[in-house]
Amino acid sequence: MKDDAPDLHAWLDLPENKGKATWLAEQLGCSKAAVSFWRDDGVPLHRIPEVAKLLEGRVSEAAMLRHAMACKVAKASPAGPATGPGELDEKAAA
């Protein structure tokens, strides 16, 4: 089964959904800033079912889970090249 539902922030960014982030934050009892952080962190896993229910399927649990996992993988990836063995020790000693 193919899931074409957008992730939460793609849906929130649609012009017709202006103000929905504030509404969603109020429904969840959290700040609008918390909802905004989910763009980079993904919806917290324990909140996904509740968000999906509030949005009545407009954003699927699967889409939110994919986005959350992609965020976590991106954060776990090294930002730059790995250093070789002992390289950090040599720099600290210099």
Protein backbone atom coordinates (compact mmCIF):
# COMPACT_ATOMS: atom_id res chain seq x y z
CA MET A 1 0.00 0.00 0.00
CA LYS A 2 1.50 3.30 -1.10
CA ASP A 3 1.38 6.21 1.34
CA ASP A 4 1.39 9.56 -0.48
CA ALA A 5 0.53 11.57 2.62
CA PRO A 6 2.86 14.51 3.25
CA ASP A 7 4.95 14.79 6.38
CA LEU A 8 3.58 17.12 9.05
CA HIS A 9 5.53 20.22 8.09
CA ALA A 10 4.93 19.83 4.37
CA TRP A 11 1.23 19.80 5.26
CA LEU A 12 1.53 22.72 7.69
CA ASP A 13 3.40 24.74 5.03
CA LEU A 14 0.44 24.60 2.63
CA PRO A 15 -1.21 28.05 2.37
CA GLU A 16 -4.62 26.67 3.29
CA ASN A 17 -3.23 25.40 6.60
CA LYS A 18 -2.05 28.74 7.94
CA GLY A 19 -2.55 28.81 11.71
CA LYS A 20 -2.78 25.02 12.02
CA ALA A 21 0.57 24.77 13.87
CA THR A 22 -0.84 27.00 16.61
CA TRP A 23 -4.09 25.02 16.65
CA LEU A 24 -2.16 21.72 16.83
CA ALA A 25 0.01 22.99 19.69
CA GLU A 26 -3.11 24.05 21.61
CA GLN A 27 -4.75 20.66 21.04
CA LEU A 28 -1.64 18.85 22.27
CA GLY A 29 -1.02 21.16 25.22
CA CYS A 30 2.44 22.15 24.03
CA SER A 31 4.01 25.30 22.63
CA LYS A 32 4.01 26.32 18.97
CA ALA A 33 7.81 26.30 19.26
CA ALA A 34 7.70 22.59 20.16
CA VAL A 35 5.67 21.88 17.02
CA SER A 36 8.16 23.94 15.03
CA PHE A 37 11.11 21.92 16.38
CA TRP A 38 9.50 18.81 14.96
CA ARG A 39 10.53 20.03 11.49
CA ASP A 40 14.13 19.09 12.32
CA ASP A 41 13.55 16.45 15.00
CA GLY A 42 10.41 14.73 13.76
CA VAL A 43 7.20 14.33 15.73
CA PRO A 44 8.01 12.57 19.01
CA LEU A 45 7.14 8.92 18.56
CA HIS A 46 4.69 8.89 21.46
CA ARG A 47 2.76 11.80 19.88
CA ILE A 48 2.38 10.38 16.36
CA PRO A 49 -0.93 8.52 16.93
CA GLU A 50 -2.50 11.56 18.62
CA VAL A 51 -1.34 13.95 15.88
CA ALA A 52 -2.65 11.62 13.18
CA LYS A 53 -6.01 11.42 14.93
CA LEU A 54 -6.24 15.21 15.31
CA LEU A 55 -5.42 15.70 11.63
CA GLU A 56 -8.00 13.07 10.62
CA GLY A 57 -5.61 11.25 8.28
CA ARG A 58 -4.39 14.33 6.39
CA VAL A 59 -0.91 13.36 7.60
CA SER A 60 -0.44 9.65 8.14
CA GLU A 61 1.33 7.95 11.01
CA ALA A 62 3.60 6.30 8.43
CA ALA A 63 4.61 9.68 6.94
CA MET A 64 5.37 11.11 10.40
CA LEU A 65 7.35 8.01 11.34
CA ARG A 66 9.38 8.15 8.11
CA HIS A 67 10.17 11.82 8.74
CA ALA A 68 11.10 11.21 12.39
CA MET A 69 13.41 8.35 11.47
CA ALA A 70 15.03 10.37 8.66
CA CYS A 71 15.69 13.19 11.13
CA LYS A 72 17.28 10.79 13.60
CA VAL A 73 19.47 9.20 10.91
CA ALA A 74 20.58 12.63 9.67
CA LYS A 75 21.54 13.70 13.20
CA ALA A 76 23.45 10.45 13.78
CA SER A 77 25.49 10.88 10.60
CA PRO A 78 28.89 12.50 11.10
CA ALA A 79 28.99 16.15 10.10
CA GLY A 80 32.45 15.89 8.64
CA PRO A 81 35.19 13.43 7.86
CA ALA A 82 36.19 11.09 10.63
CA THR A 83 39.56 11.61 12.22
CA GLY A 84 42.19 8.92 12.11
CA PRO A 85 43.37 6.97 15.15
CA GLY A 86 45.32 9.13 17.55
CA GLU A 87 44.77 12.32 15.58
CA LEU A 88 42.81 13.99 18.35
CA ASP A 89 45.42 12.98 20.94
CA GLU A 90 48.22 14.50 18.85
CA LYS A 91 46.30 17.79 18.44
CA ALA A 92 45.57 17.96 22.16
CA ALA A 93 49.23 17.38 22.99
CA ALA A 94 50.42 20.16 20.65
